[in-house]
Protein backbone atom coordinates (compact mmCIF):
# COMPACT_ATOMS: atom_id res chain seq x y z
CA MET A 1 49.65 228.55 110.99
CA SER A 2 53.40 228.92 110.57
CA ASN A 3 55.79 229.82 113.37
CA VAL A 4 56.86 233.47 113.53
CA ILE A 5 59.17 232.91 116.52
CA GLU A 6 61.28 229.79 117.00
CA ILE A 7 63.55 229.46 120.03
CA LYS A 8 65.96 226.52 120.19
CA ASP A 9 68.34 225.74 123.08
CA LEU A 10 68.49 229.45 123.94
CA SER A 11 70.90 230.33 126.75
CA LYS A 12 72.28 233.59 128.08
CA ILE A 13 75.07 233.84 130.65
CA TYR A 14 76.12 236.95 132.56
CA ARG A 15 79.15 237.70 134.68
CA LEU A 16 78.06 239.53 137.81
CA GLY A 17 79.50 242.97 138.39
CA ILE A 18 82.10 242.79 135.61
CA VAL A 19 82.16 243.88 131.99
CA GLY A 20 84.27 241.44 129.96
CA SER A 21 86.87 239.11 131.46
CA LYS A 22 89.13 239.77 134.39
CA THR A 23 92.33 239.03 132.51
CA ILE A 24 93.78 238.94 128.99
CA ALA A 25 94.43 235.22 129.55
CA GLU A 26 90.68 234.56 129.93
CA ASP A 27 89.94 236.52 126.77
CA LEU A 28 92.60 234.53 124.89
CA ASN A 29 91.19 231.25 126.19
CA ARG A 30 87.75 232.22 124.90
CA LEU A 31 89.17 233.30 121.52
CA TRP A 32 91.15 230.07 121.13
CA ALA A 33 88.07 227.97 121.95
CA ARG A 34 86.01 229.92 119.41
CA ILE A 35 88.66 229.46 116.68
CA ARG A 36 88.65 225.70 117.28
CA GLY A 37 84.85 225.62 117.23
CA LYS A 38 84.71 224.65 120.89
CA GLU A 39 82.36 225.80 123.64
CA ASP A 40 83.33 228.83 125.72
CA PRO A 41 85.23 227.21 128.65
CA TYR A 42 83.72 229.64 131.15
CA LEU A 43 80.17 228.54 130.34
CA LYS A 44 80.82 225.25 132.12
CA ILE A 45 80.96 226.93 135.50
CA GLY A 46 77.77 228.98 135.17
CA GLU A 47 75.19 228.57 137.94
CA THR A 48 71.39 228.56 137.91
CA ASN A 49 69.99 232.06 138.35
CA ARG A 50 68.68 231.99 141.94
CA ARG A 51 68.64 235.63 143.06
CA SER A 52 68.04 234.83 146.76
CA VAL A 53 70.95 232.38 147.09
CA LYS A 54 74.62 233.33 147.28
CA GLY A 55 76.51 231.69 144.41
CA LYS A 56 79.90 230.03 144.24
CA THR A 57 80.96 231.63 140.94
CA GLU A 58 80.57 234.99 139.18
CA PHE A 59 78.75 233.43 136.23
CA ILE A 60 74.98 232.93 136.21
CA TRP A 61 72.61 231.62 133.57
CA ALA A 62 69.94 234.26 133.03
CA LEU A 63 68.43 231.79 130.53
CA LYS A 64 69.26 228.11 130.19
CA ASP A 65 68.21 225.78 127.32
CA ILE A 66 64.92 227.47 126.45
CA ASN A 67 62.84 225.84 123.69
CA PHE A 68 59.42 226.90 122.41
CA SER A 69 57.75 228.39 119.34
CA ILE A 70 54.98 230.95 118.72
CA LYS A 71 52.58 230.77 115.81
CA ASP A 72 51.47 233.56 113.51
CA GLY A 73 48.59 235.55 115.03
CA GLU A 74 48.93 233.92 118.45
CA ARG A 75 48.53 235.79 121.74
CA PHE A 76 51.31 234.38 123.89
CA GLY A 77 52.02 235.02 127.56
CA ILE A 78 55.27 234.78 129.53
CA ILE A 79 54.91 234.28 133.29
CA GLY A 80 57.55 234.17 135.98
CA LYS A 81 58.78 235.58 139.26
CA ASN A 82 61.11 238.58 139.39
CA GLY A 83 64.52 237.52 138.09
CA ALA A 84 63.13 234.50 136.22
CA GLY A 85 64.62 235.67 132.90
CA LYS A 86 61.56 237.24 131.25
CA SER A 87 63.13 240.61 130.43
CA THR A 88 66.34 238.95 129.19
CA LEU A 89 64.28 236.81 126.82
CA LEU A 90 62.38 239.83 125.50
CA LYS A 91 65.60 241.78 124.95
CA ILE A 92 66.98 238.91 122.88
CA LEU A 93 63.76 238.70 120.86
CA SER A 94 63.89 242.48 120.33
CA ARG A 95 67.56 242.21 119.28
CA VAL A 96 68.67 244.44 122.14
CA ALA A 97 70.85 241.59 123.45
CA SER A 98 72.34 238.52 121.80
CA PRO A 99 72.19 234.93 123.06
CA THR A 100 75.23 233.13 124.44
CA LYS A 101 74.11 229.82 122.95
CA GLY A 102 71.23 228.56 120.86
CA SER A 103 69.22 230.31 118.18
CA VAL A 104 66.25 232.64 117.82
CA LYS A 105 64.39 233.00 114.54
CA VAL A 106 61.96 235.91 114.26
CA ARG A 107 59.96 236.44 111.07
CA GLY A 108 58.48 239.92 110.67
CA ARG A 109 58.78 243.43 112.01
CA VAL A 110 58.94 243.65 115.80
CA ALA A 111 57.66 246.50 117.98
CA SER A 112 58.78 246.32 121.61
CA LEU A 113 57.59 248.17 124.68
CA LEU A 114 60.04 247.01 127.33
CA GLU A 115 60.59 250.00 129.62
CA VAL A 116 58.80 253.24 130.40
CA GLY A 117 59.80 256.00 128.00
CA THR A 118 62.24 253.95 125.91
CA GLY A 119 63.16 256.08 122.88
CA PHE A 120 61.70 259.28 124.36
CA HIS A 121 63.73 262.45 124.87
CA PRO A 122 62.70 264.22 128.09
CA GLU A 123 63.25 267.74 126.71
CA LEU A 124 61.05 267.18 123.64
CA THR A 125 57.28 267.55 123.63
CA GLY A 126 54.87 264.68 123.27
CA ARG A 127 54.31 265.68 119.65
CA ASP A 128 58.05 265.64 118.88
CA ASN A 129 58.52 262.33 120.67
CA ILE A 130 55.79 260.67 118.61
CA PHE A 131 57.82 261.46 115.48
CA LEU A 132 61.12 260.57 117.16
CA ASN A 133 59.91 257.29 118.68
CA GLY A 134 57.97 256.36 115.57
CA SER A 135 61.09 256.81 113.46
CA ILE A 136 63.16 254.70 115.87
CA LEU A 137 60.56 251.94 115.62
CA GLY A 138 60.74 252.03 111.84
CA MET A 139 57.77 254.18 110.78
CA THR A 140 58.12 256.63 107.89
CA GLN A 141 57.28 260.30 108.31
CA TYR A 142 54.23 259.78 106.10
CA GLU A 143 53.00 256.89 108.31
CA ILE A 144 53.45 258.94 111.48
CA LYS A 145 51.59 261.96 110.03
CA SER A 146 48.70 259.83 108.80
CA LYS A 147 48.32 258.12 112.20
CA PHE A 148 49.19 261.09 114.41
CA ASP A 149 45.62 261.99 115.40
CA SER A 150 44.79 258.35 116.11
CA ILE A 151 47.91 257.97 118.29
CA VAL A 152 47.08 261.07 120.32
CA GLU A 153 43.45 260.04 120.76
CA PHE A 154 44.42 256.56 121.93
CA SER A 155 47.00 257.89 124.38
CA GLY A 156 44.53 260.24 126.07
CA VAL A 157 47.16 262.97 126.62
CA GLU A 158 45.96 265.42 123.96
CA ARG A 159 45.96 268.35 126.38
CA TYR A 160 49.68 267.81 127.10
CA ILE A 161 50.83 266.89 123.61
CA ASP A 162 52.89 270.09 123.27
CA THR A 163 54.37 269.81 126.77
CA PRO A 164 57.88 268.39 127.31
CA VAL A 165 57.55 264.76 128.38
CA LYS A 166 59.86 265.32 131.36
CA ARG A 167 56.76 266.83 132.99
CA TYR A 168 54.67 263.71 132.27
CA SER A 169 53.83 261.18 134.95
CA SER A 170 55.05 257.61 134.43
CA GLY A 171 51.49 256.67 133.47
CA MET A 172 51.36 259.36 130.77
CA TYR A 173 54.75 258.15 129.48
CA VAL A 174 53.37 254.64 129.08
CA ARG A 175 50.17 255.87 127.45
CA LEU A 176 52.07 257.72 124.75
CA ALA A 177 54.71 255.00 124.29
CA PHE A 178 52.14 252.23 123.93
CA ALA A 179 50.02 254.34 121.56
CA VAL A 180 53.00 254.76 119.22
CA ALA A 181 54.00 251.07 119.39
CA ALA A 182 50.42 249.89 118.82
CA HIS A 183 50.09 252.00 115.67
CA LEU A 184 53.33 250.72 114.17
CA GLU A 185 51.39 247.77 112.73
CA PRO A 186 54.19 245.29 113.41
CA GLU A 187 53.91 241.60 112.67
CA ILE A 188 54.98 240.99 116.29
CA LEU A 189 54.11 243.21 119.27
CA ILE A 190 56.13 242.63 122.45
CA VAL A 191 54.80 244.23 125.64
CA ASP A 192 56.52 243.96 129.02
CA GLU A 193 55.13 244.71 132.49
CA VAL A 194 55.13 248.47 131.79
CA LEU A 195 51.33 248.49 131.46
CA ALA A 196 51.16 248.03 135.25
CA VAL A 197 52.09 251.72 135.53
CA GLY A 198 48.89 252.83 133.79
CA ASP A 199 45.50 253.14 135.44
CA ALA A 200 42.81 250.45 135.20
CA GLU A 201 40.96 252.19 132.38
CA PHE A 202 44.09 252.42 130.24
CA GLN A 203 45.14 248.83 130.99
CA LYS A 204 41.73 247.65 129.79
CA LYS A 205 42.13 249.78 126.67
CA CYS A 206 45.58 248.32 125.95
CA LEU A 207 44.42 244.73 126.45
CA SER A 208 41.53 245.38 124.09
CA LYS A 209 43.93 246.84 121.52
CA MET A 210 46.26 243.84 121.78
CA TYR A 211 43.32 241.50 121.34
CA ASP A 212 42.18 243.39 118.22
CA VAL A 213 45.74 243.43 116.82
CA SER A 214 45.80 239.64 117.05
CA GLU A 215 42.19 238.67 116.34
CA LYS A 216 41.30 241.16 113.61
CA GLU A 217 44.66 241.89 112.02
CA GLY A 218 46.29 238.48 112.45
CA ARG A 219 49.38 239.82 114.22
CA THR A 220 51.32 238.09 116.99
CA VAL A 221 51.30 239.48 120.54
CA LEU A 222 53.88 238.52 123.17
CA PHE A 223 52.74 239.73 126.60
CA VAL A 224 54.64 239.65 129.90
CA SER A 225 52.83 240.53 133.10
CA HIS A 226 52.51 239.65 136.79
CA ASN A 227 48.77 240.28 136.42
CA LEU A 228 47.65 236.68 135.95
CA GLN A 229 44.06 237.70 135.27
CA ALA A 230 45.19 239.89 132.36
CA ILE A 231 47.32 237.02 131.01
CA LYS A 232 44.37 234.64 131.33
CA ASN A 233 41.95 237.02 129.59
CA LEU A 234 44.29 237.83 126.69
CA CYS A 235 46.65 234.96 125.98
CA GLN A 236 45.85 231.64 124.34
CA LYS A 237 49.12 229.94 125.32
CA SER A 238 51.74 230.76 127.94
CA VAL A 239 55.09 229.62 129.28
CA ILE A 240 56.53 229.81 132.79
CA LEU A 241 60.15 230.79 133.33
CA ASN A 242 61.69 229.86 136.66
CA ASN A 243 65.31 230.67 137.57
CA GLY A 244 66.12 231.10 133.88
CA GLU A 245 64.70 227.72 132.87
CA LEU A 246 61.50 226.73 131.09
CA PHE A 247 59.23 225.35 133.82
CA ALA A 248 56.00 224.75 131.86
CA GLU A 249 54.28 225.46 128.55
CA GLY A 250 50.70 225.03 127.39
CA PRO A 251 47.18 226.54 127.40
CA THR A 252 47.11 229.63 129.61
CA ALA A 253 44.58 228.38 132.20
CA GLU A 254 46.63 225.22 132.84
CA THR A 255 49.88 227.17 132.92
CA ILE A 256 48.56 229.65 135.48
CA ASP A 257 47.47 226.78 137.74
CA LYS A 258 51.00 225.37 137.58
CA TYR A 259 52.46 228.81 138.31
CA ASN A 260 50.24 229.32 141.36
CA LYS A 261 51.49 226.01 142.76
CA LEU A 262 55.07 226.97 141.95
CA ILE A 263 55.08 230.36 143.69
CA ARG A 264 53.47 228.94 146.81
CA ASP A 265 55.40 225.66 146.70
CA VAL A 266 52.14 223.88 147.53
CA LYS A 267 52.13 220.08 147.36
CA ILE A 268 49.20 218.10 145.94
CA ASP A 269 48.01 217.30 149.48
CA ALA A 270 48.29 220.99 150.34
CA LYS A 271 48.10 222.11 153.96
CA THR A 272 48.53 225.59 155.31
CA ASP A 273 51.78 226.22 157.11
CA ILE A 274 50.57 226.11 160.73
CA ASP A 275 54.10 225.44 162.01
CA ASN A 276 55.53 228.62 160.52
CA LYS A 277 56.80 230.31 163.67
CA LEU A 278 57.55 233.59 161.89
CA ASN A 279 53.84 234.11 161.21
CA ARG A 280 52.51 232.64 164.45
CA ARG A 281 51.94 234.30 167.79
CA GLY A 282 49.83 233.71 170.88
CA LYS A 283 49.72 232.74 174.56
CA GLY A 284 49.87 228.95 174.16
CA MET A 285 46.50 228.46 175.89
CA ILE A 286 44.97 227.12 172.69
CA ARG A 287 46.64 226.15 169.41
CA PHE A 288 45.61 225.32 165.88
CA SER A 289 46.53 221.70 165.14
CA GLY A 290 45.37 221.69 161.52
CA ILE A 291 43.96 223.98 158.83
CA GLU A 292 42.74 222.77 155.43
CA VAL A 293 41.26 224.78 152.57
CA LEU A 294 38.57 222.89 150.65
CA GLY A 295 36.19 223.27 147.74
CA SER A 296 32.46 222.73 148.11
CA ASP A 297 33.03 219.05 147.22
CA GLY A 298 35.31 218.60 150.22
CA ASN A 299 38.52 218.21 148.21
CA LYS A 300 41.60 220.25 149.07
CA LYS A 301 42.27 223.19 146.75
CA PHE A 302 43.57 226.77 146.70
CA ASN A 303 42.35 227.96 143.28
CA PHE A 304 38.75 229.16 143.17
CA GLU A 305 36.58 230.83 140.58
CA LEU A 306 34.29 233.77 141.25
CA GLY A 307 31.00 232.40 142.57
CA GLU A 308 32.46 229.23 144.11
CA SER A 309 32.27 228.33 147.79
CA ILE A 310 35.33 228.10 150.03
CA ARG A 311 35.48 225.86 153.08
CA PHE A 312 37.97 225.89 155.94
CA ARG A 313 38.42 222.76 158.08
CA ILE A 314 39.93 223.82 161.40
CA SER A 315 41.18 221.61 164.24
CA TYR A 316 42.56 222.87 167.56
CA GLU A 317 43.76 221.78 171.00
CA VAL A 318 43.16 223.51 174.35
CA TYR A 319 46.02 223.61 176.91
CA LYS A 320 44.56 225.92 179.56
CA GLU A 321 40.99 226.66 180.59
CA MET A 322 39.16 228.87 178.08
CA LYS A 323 36.07 230.99 178.75
CA GLY A 324 34.43 229.95 175.50
CA ILE A 325 36.10 229.79 172.08
CA THR A 326 35.72 232.17 169.14
CA ILE A 327 37.47 231.74 165.80
CA ILE A 328 38.21 234.54 163.36
CA ILE A 329 38.93 233.95 159.66
CA ALA A 330 40.01 236.73 157.31
CA LEU A 331 41.39 237.27 153.83
CA LEU A 332 44.27 239.74 153.47
CA SER A 333 45.27 241.97 150.59
CA GLY A 334 47.85 240.24 148.39
CA ILE A 335 49.82 243.50 148.12
CA SER A 336 49.51 245.47 151.36
CA ARG A 337 48.57 242.51 153.64
CA GLU A 338 45.75 244.65 155.06
CA CYS A 339 42.64 242.87 156.27
CA LEU A 340 39.90 242.81 153.62
CA THR A 341 37.43 240.53 155.38
CA LEU A 342 36.65 239.59 158.94
CA SER A 343 34.25 236.80 159.98
CA ASN A 344 33.72 235.76 163.64
CA PHE A 345 32.36 232.39 164.74
CA GLU A 346 31.56 231.62 168.38
CA LEU A 347 32.20 227.90 168.61
CA THR A 348 31.11 227.66 172.25
CA LYS A 349 30.15 229.99 175.13
CA SER A 350 30.82 227.35 177.78
CA THR A 351 34.05 227.01 179.74
CA VAL A 352 36.42 224.65 177.94
CA PRO A 353 38.83 222.61 180.10
CA PRO A 354 42.42 221.78 179.15
CA GLY A 355 42.85 218.62 177.13
CA THR A 356 39.97 219.48 174.81
CA ARG A 357 40.20 218.83 171.10
CA GLY A 358 37.84 220.43 168.63
CA GLU A 359 37.09 220.61 164.94
CA ALA A 360 35.05 223.08 162.92
CA GLU A 361 34.24 223.40 159.23
CA ILE A 362 33.31 226.88 158.03
CA GLU A 363 32.03 227.84 154.59
CA PHE A 364 32.16 231.11 152.65
CA PRO A 365 29.40 230.43 150.08
CA ASP A 366 29.26 232.01 146.59
CA ILE A 367 32.29 234.22 147.06
CA TYR A 368 32.21 237.41 144.98
CA ILE A 369 35.38 239.42 145.54
CA LYS A 370 37.79 240.97 143.08
CA PRO A 371 39.91 238.26 141.38
CA GLY A 372 43.40 238.01 142.83
CA GLU A 373 45.55 236.30 145.44
CA TYR A 374 44.53 236.51 149.11
CA PRO A 375 46.77 235.40 152.01
CA LEU A 376 44.89 233.87 154.94
CA TYR A 377 44.50 234.92 158.58
CA PHE A 378 43.22 232.72 161.42
CA GLU A 379 42.79 233.55 165.10
CA LEU A 380 41.46 231.67 168.14
CA ILE A 381 40.37 233.82 171.10
CA ASP A 382 38.65 233.55 174.46
CA SER A 383 34.99 234.51 173.93
CA GLU A 384 34.65 236.14 177.36
CA LEU A 385 37.83 238.21 177.01
CA ASN A 386 36.92 239.13 173.42
CA GLY A 387 40.04 240.29 171.59
CA TYR A 388 42.61 238.60 173.86
CA SER A 389 44.47 236.54 171.24
CA LYS A 390 45.38 232.99 172.14
CA ASP A 391 46.72 231.72 168.81
CA VAL A 392 47.18 233.73 165.61
CA LEU A 393 48.32 232.57 162.18
CA ASP A 394 48.59 235.31 159.59
CA ASP A 395 49.98 235.69 156.07
CA LEU A 396 50.23 231.94 155.60
CA THR A 397 52.41 230.56 152.82
CA ALA A 398 49.46 229.17 150.84
CA PRO A 399 47.07 232.01 149.92
CA ILE A 400 43.88 231.30 148.02
CA VAL A 401 43.56 232.48 144.43
CA ILE A 402 40.27 233.85 143.05
CA SER A 403 39.92 233.81 139.24
CA GLY A 404 37.35 235.36 136.93
CA GLY A 405 35.03 232.38 137.06
CA SER A 406 33.46 230.39 134.25
CA ASN A 407 30.33 229.76 136.29
CA VAL A 408 29.50 233.45 136.72
CA LYS A 409 26.66 234.66 134.50
CA ASN A 410 28.08 238.14 134.06
CA SER A 411 31.85 237.93 133.56
CA ASP A 412 32.35 241.57 134.56
CA PHE A 413 33.02 242.29 138.23
CA HIS A 414 29.95 244.13 139.46
CA PRO A 415 30.67 247.64 140.78
CA ASN A 416 28.10 247.19 143.55
CA LYS A 417 30.09 244.28 144.94
CA PRO A 418 32.13 245.31 147.99
CA SER A 419 35.76 246.31 147.72
CA GLY A 420 38.15 247.20 150.50
CA TYR A 421 37.17 246.03 154.03
CA PHE A 422 33.93 244.08 154.05
CA ALA A 423 32.23 241.07 155.61
CA ILE A 424 31.78 237.85 153.66
CA PRO A 425 28.58 235.84 154.29
CA SER A 426 29.61 232.64 156.04
CA ARG A 427 28.32 229.75 158.11
CA VAL A 428 29.53 226.95 160.40
CA ILE A 429 28.87 223.50 158.91
CA ILE A 430 30.59 221.31 161.51
CA ASN A 431 31.37 222.16 165.15
CA GLU A 432 32.59 219.24 167.27
CA ILE A 433 34.24 219.54 170.70
CA ASN A 434 35.73 216.49 172.46
CA SER A 435 36.77 217.28 176.03
CA HIS A 436 39.52 215.46 177.97
CA SER A 437 40.73 213.49 174.94
CA PHE A 438 44.36 214.32 175.67
CA TYR A 439 44.01 215.72 179.20
CA ASN A 440 47.07 214.04 180.67
CA GLU A 441 49.27 215.21 177.79
CA ALA A 442 48.13 218.79 178.21
CA LEU A 443 48.96 218.82 181.89
């Protein structure tokens, strides 16, 4: 297959808060450099695009030395954190913006869906906007008329087709906009995160349409999303953008694994951040001394597939007498940080003296929860005073990631599986308590 998109040494620099140069002298310096065939002198002082760090100059590289190519008929994903340069790249590919350096070669007609309602007029009806938006995207009146019924049916807004779109919800906007773009029959379809606005049923419909556009019609799909499961299901290859630079490129499954490590900054010998004081609270009577997340084989990992088992190896130290010890482990929502699970384990009912060290290994077998990212919550409490927290670690910096799962017989998530707050079947594999091992230190 030939390349339909070729990106070589692509860079884009922006000046924060200012349109053009500050002075005529700067403009003249740029012009003189361009006449002599030299590099723009102000590009030399551009900084890496780190949105959370205060810069030393007004120039930032939204993109810096990007190189990759996309083949004809390929479904290609672009992954990255907010501000990584994804939207800038798509605008350049859609010819909305031009690069500062480097080159972009695009072969074929491009249809882009970058923002909700782009090309729509709020005072016009849905019917009028189909013709308006279709014309902007390059469709003839005859094409629009012949595909009108199909566009309306796909959008699912037939009842409101003669209503001004200013009265549409953002989801209805996206439905109609995507329906028009999908029926343009472009050689290249570019879709940004806008699909996140639609409901689950429509997102599934759009992903299916993009798959058909590529698989059956041989067209190229470029898809940007923060929904890693959608990227994994649809895209054959993906790239990661990080701070405007190309971080990784390759098969989507491998790329997503690299991205998960990037966003959590997890090292190969990953440990949860038990020393993070911002997410730790308690009375100091007992403290976690170590937490490790393991696979069923005992190796450290954070990425799991649906149906796999998750193990937690917990170690702790007791500094004041405890009336028994109970540990609580929970998974939190990746978005709201609400508790989704709650599992209690009474490690001992007996009184535990200061200086005691203990270790427990707890397993969640055959986990079947909705794929996604789940921050972790751990709590050690006094069994007798049930609920009186002694050490709490919540929203740790290394959440576990549940993927669709290649070892699941039915790839669809079963509707009878629990969602929202629920209990996960679990068991204690190891429970060792060693009293007085550091008694003098504790006192």
